[in-house]
Amino acid sequence: MPPKKTTIDKETEFRKVRTPREGEILGVVVKMMGFDRLQVKCTDGKTRLCRIRGKMKKRVWIREGDVVLVAPWDFQDEKGDIMWRYSKGQARWLEDNSYLQGI
């Protein structure tokens, strides 16, 4: 009899959570705008029109309610790029450690 395969729930298990660096803000996806654009409510109180950067486009699927890491543009503060999507377990850790206070 072959050994049983174990499954790992990637939504709850994680190793290290990527925290925001200089020039990056956490946010929650409010609305999908189509193509690669999303409306994100950020921790600084602003709602930004963000795009999924090319490296992530076909590798990471983002839905409404997901916690993401946003890099606001220098020349237009109301727009930004999505740099990272957090899993549910990582989002819970961020909330427990008070990173998501402004949302």
PDB file of N, CA and C in Angstrom:
ATOM      1  N   MET A   1       0.837  -1.168   0.000  1.00  0.00           N
ATOM      2  CA  MET A   1       0.000   0.000   0.000  1.00  0.00           C
ATOM      3  C   MET A   1       0.893   1.246   0.000  1.00  0.00           C
ATOM      4  N   PRO A   2       0.692   2.164  -0.967  1.00  0.00           N
ATOM      5  CA  PRO A   2       1.543   3.359  -1.032  1.00  0.00           C
ATOM      6  C   PRO A   2       1.245   4.309   0.124  1.00  0.00           C
ATOM      7  N   PRO A   3       2.252   5.090   0.532  1.00  0.00           N
ATOM      8  CA  PRO A   3       2.034   6.025   1.644  1.00  0.00           C
ATOM      9  C   PRO A   3       1.051   7.132   1.233  1.00  0.00           C
ATOM     10  N   LYS A   4       0.342   7.642   2.229  1.00  0.00           N
ATOM     11  CA  LYS A   4      -0.623   8.710   1.977  1.00  0.00           C
ATOM     12  C   LYS A   4       0.100  10.008   1.654  1.00  0.00           C
ATOM     13  N   LYS A   5      -0.475  10.747   0.721  1.00  0.00           N
ATOM     14  CA  LYS A   5       0.075  12.051   0.396  1.00  0.00           C
ATOM     15  C   LYS A   5      -0.504  13.078   1.362  1.00  0.00           C
ATOM     16  N   THR A   6       0.331  13.931   1.852  1.00  0.00           N
ATOM     17  CA  THR A   6      -0.153  14.985   2.742  1.00  0.00           C
ATOM     18  C   THR A   6      -0.288  16.263   1.942  1.00  0.00           C
ATOM     19  N   THR A   7      -1.298  17.002   2.250  1.00  0.00           N
ATOM     20  CA  THR A   7      -1.511  18.277   1.568  1.00  0.00           C
ATOM     21  C   THR A   7      -1.241  19.407   2.545  1.00  0.00           C
ATOM     22  N   ILE A   8      -0.716  20.462   2.030  1.00  0.00           N
ATOM     23  CA  ILE A   8      -0.428  21.645   2.840  1.00  0.00           C
ATOM     24  C   ILE A   8      -1.348  22.757   2.369  1.00  0.00           C
ATOM     25  N   ASP A   9      -2.069  23.337   3.301  1.00  0.00           N
ATOM     26  CA  ASP A   9      -2.953  24.449   2.973  1.00  0.00           C
ATOM     27  C   ASP A   9      -2.102  25.712   2.894  1.00  0.00           C
ATOM     28  N   LYS A  10      -1.861  26.206   1.685  1.00  0.00           N
ATOM     29  CA  LYS A  10      -0.976  27.349   1.494  1.00  0.00           C
ATOM     30  C   LYS A  10      -1.602  28.645   1.979  1.00  0.00           C
ATOM     31  N   GLU A  11      -2.911  28.662   2.198  1.00  0.00           N
ATOM     32  CA  GLU A  11      -3.563  29.869   2.676  1.00  0.00           C
ATOM     33  C   GLU A  11      -3.311  30.087   4.170  1.00  0.00           C
ATOM     34  N   THR A  12      -3.053  29.015   4.922  1.00  0.00           N
ATOM     35  CA  THR A  12      -2.891  29.175   6.364  1.00  0.00           C
ATOM     36  C   THR A  12      -1.446  29.056   6.821  1.00  0.00           C
ATOM     37  N   GLU A  13      -0.612  28.313   6.090  1.00  0.00           N
ATOM     38  CA  GLU A  13       0.774  28.151   6.502  1.00  0.00           C
ATOM     39  C   GLU A  13       1.680  29.098   5.744  1.00  0.00           C
ATOM     40  N   PHE A  14       2.622  29.672   6.451  1.00  0.00           N
ATOM     41  CA  PHE A  14       3.581  30.568   5.827  1.00  0.00           C
ATOM     42  C   PHE A  14       4.841  30.602   6.663  1.00  0.00           C
ATOM     43  N   ARG A  15       5.919  31.046   6.056  1.00  0.00           N
ATOM     44  CA  ARG A  15       7.189  31.108   6.763  1.00  0.00           C
ATOM     45  C   ARG A  15       7.511  32.514   7.234  1.00  0.00           C
ATOM     46  N   LYS A  16       7.573  33.447   6.319  1.00  0.00           N
ATOM     47  CA  LYS A  16       7.971  34.808   6.657  1.00  0.00           C
ATOM     48  C   LYS A  16       7.052  35.776   5.925  1.00  0.00           C
ATOM     49  N   VAL A  17       6.594  36.789   6.639  1.00  0.00           N
ATOM     50  CA  VAL A  17       5.694  37.773   6.052  1.00  0.00           C
ATOM     51  C   VAL A  17       6.513  38.962   5.582  1.00  0.00           C
ATOM     52  N   ARG A  18       6.291  39.363   4.354  1.00  0.00           N
ATOM     53  CA  ARG A  18       7.004  40.529   3.792  1.00  0.00           C
ATOM     54  C   ARG A  18       6.318  41.788   4.302  1.00  0.00           C
ATOM     55  N   THR A  19       7.039  42.578   5.074  1.00  0.00           N
ATOM     56  CA  THR A  19       6.493  43.830   5.606  1.00  0.00           C
ATOM     57  C   THR A  19       6.798  44.973   4.648  1.00  0.00           C
ATOM     58  N   PRO A  20       6.027  46.052   4.714  1.00  0.00           N
ATOM     59  CA  PRO A  20       6.248  47.178   3.792  1.00  0.00           C
ATOM     60  C   PRO A  20       7.612  47.834   4.004  1.00  0.00           C
ATOM     61  N   ARG A  21       8.276  48.101   2.903  1.00  0.00           N
ATOM     62  CA  ARG A  21       9.551  48.815   2.943  1.00  0.00           C
ATOM     63  C   ARG A  21       9.294  50.288   2.687  1.00  0.00           C
ATOM     64  N   GLU A  22      10.338  51.065   2.583  1.00  0.00           N
ATOM     65  CA  GLU A  22      10.198  52.500   2.335  1.00  0.00           C
ATOM     66  C   GLU A  22       9.526  52.726   0.976  1.00  0.00           C
ATOM     67  N   GLY A  23       8.485  53.534   0.973  1.00  0.00           N
ATOM     68  CA  GLY A  23       7.772  53.836  -0.258  1.00  0.00           C
ATOM     69  C   GLY A  23       6.685  52.834  -0.605  1.00  0.00           C
ATOM     70  N   GLU A  24       6.358  51.907   0.306  1.00  0.00           N
ATOM     71  CA  GLU A  24       5.318  50.911   0.066  1.00  0.00           C
ATOM     72  C   GLU A  24       4.241  51.021   1.142  1.00  0.00           C
ATOM     73  N   ILE A  25       3.002  50.711   0.760  1.00  0.00           N
ATOM     74  CA  ILE A  25       1.852  50.831   1.654  1.00  0.00           C
ATOM     75  C   ILE A  25       1.012  49.570   1.522  1.00  0.00           C
ATOM     76  N   LEU A  26       0.379  49.165   2.612  1.00  0.00           N
ATOM     77  CA  LEU A  26      -0.549  48.045   2.571  1.00  0.00           C
ATOM     78  C   LEU A  26      -1.928  48.530   2.157  1.00  0.00           C
ATOM     79  N   GLY A  27      -2.706  47.661   1.530  1.00  0.00           N
ATOM     80  CA  GLY A  27      -4.051  48.025   1.127  1.00  0.00           C
ATOM     81  C   GLY A  27      -4.918  46.795   0.924  1.00  0.00           C
ATOM     82  N   VAL A  28      -6.232  47.046   0.792  1.00  0.00           N
ATOM     83  CA  VAL A  28      -7.197  45.982   0.551  1.00  0.00           C
ATOM     84  C   VAL A  28      -7.887  46.268  -0.776  1.00  0.00           C
ATOM     85  N   VAL A  29      -8.003  45.250  -1.620  1.00  0.00           N
ATOM     86  CA  VAL A  29      -8.645  45.403  -2.928  1.00  0.00           C
ATOM     87  C   VAL A  29     -10.142  45.621  -2.719  1.00  0.00           C
ATOM     88  N   VAL A  30     -10.643  46.743  -3.243  1.00  0.00           N
ATOM     89  CA  VAL A  30     -12.049  47.099  -3.097  1.00  0.00           C
ATOM     90  C   VAL A  30     -12.849  46.664  -4.318  1.00  0.00           C
ATOM     91  N   LYS A  31     -12.283  46.895  -5.513  1.00  0.00           N
ATOM     92  CA  LYS A  31     -13.040  46.646  -6.739  1.00  0.00           C
ATOM     93  C   LYS A  31     -12.093  46.246  -7.860  1.00  0.00           C
ATOM     94  N   MET A  32     -12.535  45.284  -8.656  1.00  0.00           N
ATOM     95  CA  MET A  32     -11.799  44.893  -9.850  1.00  0.00           C
ATOM     96  C   MET A  32     -12.281  45.781 -10.994  1.00  0.00           C
ATOM     97  N   MET A  33     -11.358  46.472 -11.653  1.00  0.00           N
ATOM     98  CA  MET A  33     -11.734  47.423 -12.698  1.00  0.00           C
ATOM     99  C   MET A  33     -11.629  46.818 -14.102  1.00  0.00           C
ATOM    100  N   GLY A  34     -11.051  45.656 -14.235  1.00  0.00           N
ATOM    101  CA  GLY A  34     -10.876  45.043 -15.542  1.00  0.00           C
ATOM    102  C   GLY A  34      -9.442  45.132 -16.005  1.00  0.00           C
ATOM    103  N   PHE A  35      -9.075  44.268 -16.935  1.00  0.00           N
ATOM    104  CA  PHE A  35      -7.728  44.128 -17.467  1.00  0.00           C
ATOM    105  C   PHE A  35      -6.763  43.850 -16.309  1.00  0.00           C
ATOM    106  N   ASP A  36      -5.866  44.752 -15.983  1.00  0.00           N
ATOM    107  CA  ASP A  36      -4.945  44.531 -14.869  1.00  0.00           C
ATOM    108  C   ASP A  36      -5.065  45.646 -13.842  1.00  0.00           C
ATOM    109  N   ARG A  37      -6.204  46.288 -13.760  1.00  0.00           N
ATOM    110  CA  ARG A  37      -6.394  47.425 -12.867  1.00  0.00           C
ATOM    111  C   ARG A  37      -7.337  47.071 -11.715  1.00  0.00           C
ATOM    112  N   LEU A  38      -7.025  47.604 -10.539  1.00  0.00           N
ATOM    113  CA  LEU A  38      -7.801  47.355  -9.329  1.00  0.00           C
ATOM    114  C   LEU A  38      -7.951  48.654  -8.550  1.00  0.00           C
ATOM    115  N   GLN A  39      -9.020  48.759  -7.803  1.00  0.00           N
ATOM    116  CA  GLN A  39      -9.182  49.889  -6.896  1.00  0.00           C
ATOM    117  C   GLN A  39      -8.819  49.383  -5.504  1.00  0.00           C
ATOM    118  N   VAL A  40      -7.855  50.055  -4.850  1.00  0.00           N
ATOM    119  CA  VAL A  40      -7.310  49.582  -3.580  1.00  0.00           C
ATOM    120  C   VAL A  40      -7.460  50.675  -2.522  1.00  0.00           C
ATOM    121  N   LYS A  41      -7.996  50.299  -1.344  1.00  0.00           N
ATOM    122  CA  LYS A  41      -8.078  51.211  -0.198  1.00  0.00           C
ATOM    123  C   LYS A  41      -6.821  50.999   0.624  1.00  0.00           C
ATOM    124  N   CYS A  42      -5.998  52.052   0.732  1.00  0.00           N
ATOM    125  CA  CYS A  42      -4.689  51.940   1.382  1.00  0.00           C
ATOM    126  C   CYS A  42      -4.759  52.354   2.847  1.00  0.00           C
ATOM    127  N   THR A  43      -3.713  52.017   3.604  1.00  0.00           N
ATOM    128  CA  THR A  43      -3.673  52.313   5.030  1.00  0.00           C
ATOM    129  C   THR A  43      -3.516  53.798   5.318  1.00  0.00           C
ATOM    130  N   ASP A  44      -3.105  54.606   4.339  1.00  0.00           N
ATOM    131  CA  ASP A  44      -2.995  56.046   4.554  1.00  0.00           C
ATOM    132  C   ASP A  44      -4.323  56.770   4.314  1.00  0.00           C
ATOM    133  N   GLY A  45      -5.406  56.007   4.057  1.00  0.00           N
ATOM    134  CA  GLY A  45      -6.727  56.584   3.902  1.00  0.00           C
ATOM    135  C   GLY A  45      -7.127  56.903   2.474  1.00  0.00           C
ATOM    136  N   LYS A  46      -6.241  56.756   1.525  1.00  0.00           N
ATOM    137  CA  LYS A  46      -6.542  57.072   0.131  1.00  0.00           C
ATOM    138  C   LYS A  46      -6.972  55.822  -0.615  1.00  0.00           C
ATOM    139  N   THR A  47      -7.810  56.032  -1.635  1.00  0.00           N
ATOM    140  CA  THR A  47      -8.184  54.952  -2.536  1.00  0.00           C
ATOM    141  C   THR A  47      -7.437  55.176  -3.836  1.00  0.00           C
ATOM    142  N   ARG A  48      -6.642  54.186  -4.230  1.00  0.00           N
ATOM    143  CA  ARG A  48      -5.792  54.321  -5.413  1.00  0.00           C
ATOM    144  C   ARG A  48      -6.226  53.362  -6.517  1.00  0.00           C
ATOM    145  N   LEU A  49      -6.021  53.797  -7.751  1.00  0.00           N
ATOM    146  CA  LEU A  49      -6.190  52.943  -8.912  1.00  0.00           C
ATOM    147  C   LEU A  49      -4.834  52.281  -9.151  1.00  0.00           C
ATOM    148  N   CYS A  50      -4.768  50.987  -8.940  1.00  0.00           N
ATOM    149  CA  CYS A  50      -3.490  50.279  -9.024  1.00  0.00           C
ATOM    150  C   CYS A  50      -3.516  49.277 -10.171  1.00  0.00           C
ATOM    151  N   ARG A  51      -2.335  48.990 -10.672  1.00  0.00           N
ATOM    152  CA  ARG A  51      -2.214  47.982 -11.720  1.00  0.00           C
ATOM    153  C   ARG A  51      -1.331  46.856 -11.204  1.00  0.00           C
ATOM    154  N   ILE A  52      -1.594  45.666 -11.728  1.00  0.00           N
ATOM    155  CA  ILE A  52      -0.789  44.508 -11.378  1.00  0.00           C
ATOM    156  C   ILE A  52       0.453  44.552 -12.259  1.00  0.00           C
ATOM    157  N   ARG A  53       1.607  44.554 -11.662  1.00  0.00           N
ATOM    158  CA  ARG A  53       2.822  44.649 -12.464  1.00  0.00           C
ATOM    159  C   ARG A  53       3.000  43.391 -13.295  1.00  0.00           C
ATOM    160  N   GLY A  54       3.727  43.517 -14.381  1.00  0.00           N
ATOM    161  CA  GLY A  54       3.847  42.465 -15.375  1.00  0.00           C
ATOM    162  C   GLY A  54       4.380  41.153 -14.857  1.00  0.00           C
ATOM    163  N   LYS A  55       5.288  41.188 -13.898  1.00  0.00           N
ATOM    164  CA  LYS A  55       5.883  39.982 -13.354  1.00  0.00           C
ATOM    165  C   LYS A  55       4.847  39.115 -12.625  1.00  0.00           C
ATOM    166  N   MET A  56       3.805  39.762 -12.072  1.00  0.00           N
ATOM    167  CA  MET A  56       2.797  39.050 -11.294  1.00  0.00           C
ATOM    168  C   MET A  56       1.550  38.692 -12.097  1.00  0.00           C
ATOM    169  N   LYS A  57       1.368  39.298 -13.263  1.00  0.00           N
ATOM    170  CA  LYS A  57       0.090  39.238 -13.979  1.00  0.00           C
ATOM    171  C   LYS A  57      -0.492  37.844 -14.130  1.00  0.00           C
ATOM    172  N   LYS A  58       0.267  36.902 -14.632  1.00  0.00           N
ATOM    173  CA  LYS A  58      -0.269  35.569 -14.881  1.00  0.00           C
ATOM    174  C   LYS A  58       0.138  34.553 -13.827  1.00  0.00           C
ATOM    175  N   ARG A  59       0.873  34.975 -12.815  1.00  0.00           N
ATOM    176  CA  ARG A  59       1.331  34.051 -11.781  1.00  0.00           C
ATOM    177  C   ARG A  59       0.499  34.126 -10.514  1.00  0.00           C
ATOM    178  N   VAL A  60      -0.020  35.307 -10.206  1.00  0.00           N
ATOM    179  CA  VAL A  60      -0.765  35.513  -8.967  1.00  0.00           C
ATOM    180  C   VAL A  60      -2.151  36.030  -9.305  1.00  0.00           C
ATOM    181  N   TRP A  61      -3.178  35.366  -8.773  1.00  0.00           N
ATOM    182  CA  TRP A  61      -4.552  35.801  -9.002  1.00  0.00           C
ATOM    183  C   TRP A  61      -5.008  36.608  -7.803  1.00  0.00           C
ATOM    184  N   ILE A  62      -5.531  37.787  -8.075  1.00  0.00           N
ATOM    185  CA  ILE A  62      -5.960  38.701  -7.018  1.00  0.00           C
ATOM    186  C   ILE A  62      -7.470  38.859  -7.097  1.00  0.00           C
ATOM    187  N   ARG A  63      -8.127  38.816  -5.932  1.00  0.00           N
ATOM    188  CA  ARG A  63      -9.576  38.949  -5.844  1.00  0.00           C
ATOM    189  C   ARG A  63      -9.937  40.109  -4.917  1.00  0.00           C
ATOM    190  N   GLU A  64     -11.205  40.494  -4.924  1.00  0.00           N
ATOM    191  CA  GLU A  64     -11.684  41.534  -4.018  1.00  0.00           C
ATOM    192  C   GLU A  64     -11.536  41.042  -2.583  1.00  0.00           C
ATOM    193  N   GLY A  65     -11.083  41.927  -1.701  1.00  0.00           N
ATOM    194  CA  GLY A  65     -10.887  41.578  -0.300  1.00  0.00           C
ATOM    195  C   GLY A  65      -9.485  41.109   0.033  1.00  0.00           C
ATOM    196  N   ASP A  66      -8.635  40.888  -0.960  1.00  0.00           N
ATOM    197  CA  ASP A  66      -7.260  40.461  -0.706  1.00  0.00           C
ATOM    198  C   ASP A  66      -6.433  41.627  -0.181  1.00  0.00           C
ATOM    199  N   VAL A  67      -5.501  41.315   0.709  1.00  0.00           N
ATOM    200  CA  VAL A  67      -4.555  42.311   1.216  1.00  0.00           C
ATOM    201  C   VAL A  67      -3.357  42.319   0.287  1.00  0.00           C
ATOM    202  N   VAL A  68      -2.970  43.514  -0.181  1.00  0.00           N
ATOM    203  CA  VAL A  68      -1.874  43.648  -1.137  1.00  0.00           C
ATOM    204  C   VAL A  68      -0.893  44.715  -0.664  1.00  0.00           C
ATOM    205  N   LEU A  69       0.285  44.674  -1.234  1.00  0.00           N
ATOM    206  CA  LEU A  69       1.317  45.664  -0.982  1.00  0.00           C
ATOM    207  C   LEU A  69       1.393  46.577  -2.196  1.00  0.00           C
ATOM    208  N   VAL A  70       1.249  47.889  -1.965  1.00  0.00           N
ATOM    209  CA  VAL A  70       1.162  48.868  -3.049  1.00  0.00           C
ATOM    210  C   VAL A  70       2.366  49.798  -3.002  1.00  0.00           C
ATOM    211  N   ALA A  71       2.917  50.089  -4.173  1.00  0.00           N
ATOM    212  CA  ALA A  71       3.977  51.095  -4.304  1.00  0.00           C
ATOM    213  C   ALA A  71       3.380  52.281  -5.063  1.00  0.00           C
ATOM    214  N   PRO A  72       3.035  53.377  -4.362  1.00  0.00           N
ATOM    215  CA  PRO A  72       2.447  54.536  -5.047  1.00  0.00           C
ATOM    216  C   PRO A  72       3.430  55.147  -6.030  1.00  0.00           C
ATOM    217  N   TRP A  73       2.882  55.689  -7.120  1.00  0.00           N
ATOM    218  CA  TRP A  73       3.727  56.341  -8.110  1.00  0.00           C
ATOM    219  C   TRP A  73       4.237  57.661  -7.554  1.00  0.00           C
ATOM    220  N   ASP A  74       5.436  58.060  -7.976  1.00  0.00           N
ATOM    221  CA  ASP A  74       6.020  59.314  -7.523  1.00  0.00           C
ATOM    222  C   ASP A  74       5.302  60.525  -8.099  1.00  0.00           C
ATOM    223  N   PHE A  75       4.907  60.453  -9.349  1.00  0.00           N
ATOM    224  CA  PHE A  75       4.365  61.617 -10.038  1.00  0.00           C
ATOM    225  C   PHE A  75       2.845  61.704  -9.966  1.00  0.00           C
ATOM    226  N   GLN A  76       2.139  60.623  -9.633  1.00  0.00           N
ATOM    227  CA  GLN A  76       0.695  60.634  -9.443  1.00  0.00           C
ATOM    228  C   GLN A  76       0.386  59.821  -8.193  1.00  0.00           C
ATOM    229  N   ASP A  77       0.035  60.508  -7.119  1.00  0.00           N
ATOM    230  CA  ASP A  77      -0.159  59.825  -5.847  1.00  0.00           C
ATOM    231  C   ASP A  77      -1.432  58.985  -5.818  1.00  0.00           C
ATOM    232  N   GLU A  78      -2.386  59.259  -6.712  1.00  0.00           N
ATOM    233  CA  GLU A  78      -3.642  58.502  -6.701  1.00  0.00           C
ATOM    234  C   GLU A  78      -3.547  57.198  -7.492  1.00  0.00           C
ATOM    235  N   LYS A  79      -2.357  56.860  -7.994  1.00  0.00           N
ATOM    236  CA  LYS A  79      -2.141  55.610  -8.721  1.00  0.00           C
ATOM    237  C   LYS A  79      -0.960  54.870  -8.121  1.00  0.00           C
ATOM    238  N   GLY A  80      -0.873  53.558  -8.410  1.00  0.00           N
ATOM    239  CA  GLY A  80       0.233  52.776  -7.872  1.00  0.00           C
ATOM    240  C   GLY A  80       0.336  51.416  -8.519  1.00  0.00           C
ATOM    241  N   ASP A  81       1.369  50.680  -8.128  1.00  0.00           N
ATOM    242  CA  ASP A  81       1.614  49.319  -8.617  1.00  0.00           C
ATOM    243  C   ASP A  81       1.439  48.339  -7.465  1.00  0.00           C
ATOM    244  N   ILE A  82       0.856  47.192  -7.760  1.00  0.00           N
ATOM    245  CA  ILE A  82       0.729  46.141  -6.754  1.00  0.00           C
ATOM    246  C   ILE A  82       2.007  45.313  -6.798  1.00  0.00           C
ATOM    247  N   MET A  83       2.673  45.216  -5.661  1.00  0.00           N
ATOM    248  CA  MET A  83       3.957  44.532  -5.580  1.00  0.00           C
ATOM    249  C   MET A  83       3.843  43.109  -5.025  1.00  0.00           C
ATOM    250  N   TRP A  84       2.815  42.843  -4.192  1.00  0.00           N
ATOM    251  CA  TRP A  84       2.735  41.571  -3.494  1.00  0.00           C
ATOM    252  C   TRP A  84       1.295  41.323  -3.075  1.00  0.00           C
ATOM    253  N   ARG A  85       0.874  40.050  -3.091  1.00  0.00           N
ATOM    254  CA  ARG A  85      -0.430  39.661  -2.544  1.00  0.00           C
ATOM    255  C   ARG A  85      -0.184  38.739  -1.364  1.00  0.00           C
ATOM    256  N   TYR A  86      -0.835  39.034  -0.243  1.00  0.00           N
ATOM    257  CA  TYR A  86      -0.675  38.233   0.966  1.00  0.00           C
ATOM    258  C   TYR A  86      -1.725  37.129   1.007  1.00  0.00           C
ATOM    259  N   SER A  87      -1.344  35.982   1.544  1.00  0.00           N
ATOM    260  CA  SER A  87      -2.307  34.895   1.751  1.00  0.00           C
ATOM    261  C   SER A  87      -3.177  35.253   2.956  1.00  0.00           C
ATOM    262  N   LYS A  88      -4.201  34.452   3.202  1.00  0.00           N
ATOM    263  CA  LYS A  88      -5.114  34.745   4.318  1.00  0.00           C
ATOM    264  C   LYS A  88      -4.395  34.657   5.659  1.00  0.00           C
ATOM    265  N   GLY A  89      -3.522  33.686   5.812  1.00  0.00           N
ATOM    266  CA  GLY A  89      -2.760  33.554   7.053  1.00  0.00           C
ATOM    267  C   GLY A  89      -1.816  34.721   7.268  1.00  0.00           C
ATOM    268  N   GLN A  90      -1.172  35.160   6.205  1.00  0.00           N
ATOM    269  CA  GLN A  90      -0.278  36.312   6.307  1.00  0.00           C
ATOM    270  C   GLN A  90      -1.059  37.583   6.607  1.00  0.00           C
ATOM    271  N   ALA A  91      -2.251  37.739   5.994  1.00  0.00           N
ATOM    272  CA  ALA A  91      -3.090  38.905   6.255  1.00  0.00           C
ATOM    273  C   ALA A  91      -3.550  38.920   7.709  1.00  0.00           C
ATOM    274  N   ARG A  92      -3.862  37.751   8.249  1.00  0.00           N
ATOM    275  CA  ARG A  92      -4.250  37.659   9.659  1.00  0.00           C
ATOM    276  C   ARG A  92      -3.086  38.073  10.552  1.00  0.00           C
ATOM    277  N   TRP A  93      -1.868  37.654  10.212  1.00  0.00           N
ATOM    278  CA  TRP A  93      -0.684  38.029  10.989  1.00  0.00           C
ATOM    279  C   TRP A  93      -0.475  39.543  10.938  1.00  0.00           C
ATOM    280  N   LEU A  94      -0.639  40.145   9.750  1.00  0.00           N
ATOM    281  CA  LEU A  94      -0.496  41.598   9.618  1.00  0.00           C
ATOM    282  C   LEU A  94      -1.527  42.334  10.465  1.00  0.00           C
ATOM    283  N   GLU A  95      -2.752  41.814  10.500  1.00  0.00           N
ATOM    284  CA  GLU A  95      -3.800  42.443  11.300  1.00  0.00           C
ATOM    285  C   GLU A  95      -3.521  42.297  12.796  1.00  0.00           C
ATOM    286  N   ASP A  96      -3.050  41.126  13.212  1.00  0.00           N
ATOM    287  CA  ASP A  96      -2.734  40.895  14.623  1.00  0.00           C
ATOM    288  C   ASP A  96      -1.578  41.770  15.092  1.00  0.00           C
ATOM    289  N   ASN A  97      -0.640  42.073  14.210  1.00  0.00           N
ATOM    290  CA  ASN A  97       0.516  42.898  14.563  1.00  0.00           C
ATOM    291  C   ASN A  97       0.322  44.362  14.191  1.00  0.00           C
ATOM    292  N   SER A  98      -0.918  44.778  13.989  1.00  0.00           N
ATOM    293  CA  SER A  98      -1.369  46.159  13.778  1.00  0.00           C
ATOM    294  C   SER A  98      -0.707  46.859  12.595  1.00  0.00           C
ATOM    295  N   TYR A  99      -0.516  46.135  11.496  1.00  0.00           N
ATOM    296  CA  TYR A  99      -0.056  46.770  10.254  1.00  0.00           C
ATOM    297  C   TYR A  99      -1.233  47.314   9.460  1.00  0.00           C
ATOM    298  N   LEU A 100      -2.430  46.777   9.655  1.00  0.00           N
ATOM    299  CA  LEU A 100      -3.597  47.164   8.875  1.00  0.00           C
ATOM    300  C   LEU A 100      -4.540  48.074   9.671  1.00  0.00           C
ATOM    301  N   GLN A 101      -4.029  49.071  10.341  1.00  0.00           N
ATOM    302  CA  GLN A 101      -4.853  49.916  11.200  1.00  0.00           C
ATOM    303  C   GLN A 101      -5.689  50.931  10.437  1.00  0.00           C
ATOM    304  N   GLY A 102      -5.206  51.488   9.355  1.00  0.00           N
ATOM    305  CA  GLY A 102      -5.913  52.564   8.664  1.00  0.00           C
ATOM    306  C   GLY A 102      -7.026  52.100   7.733  1.00  0.00           C
ATOM    307  N   ILE A 103      -7.254  50.794   7.646  1.00  0.00           N
ATOM    308  CA  ILE A 103      -8.235  50.295   6.682  1.00  0.00           C
ATOM    309  C   ILE A 103      -9.548  50.008   7.373  1.00  0.00           C
TER     310      ILE A 103
END
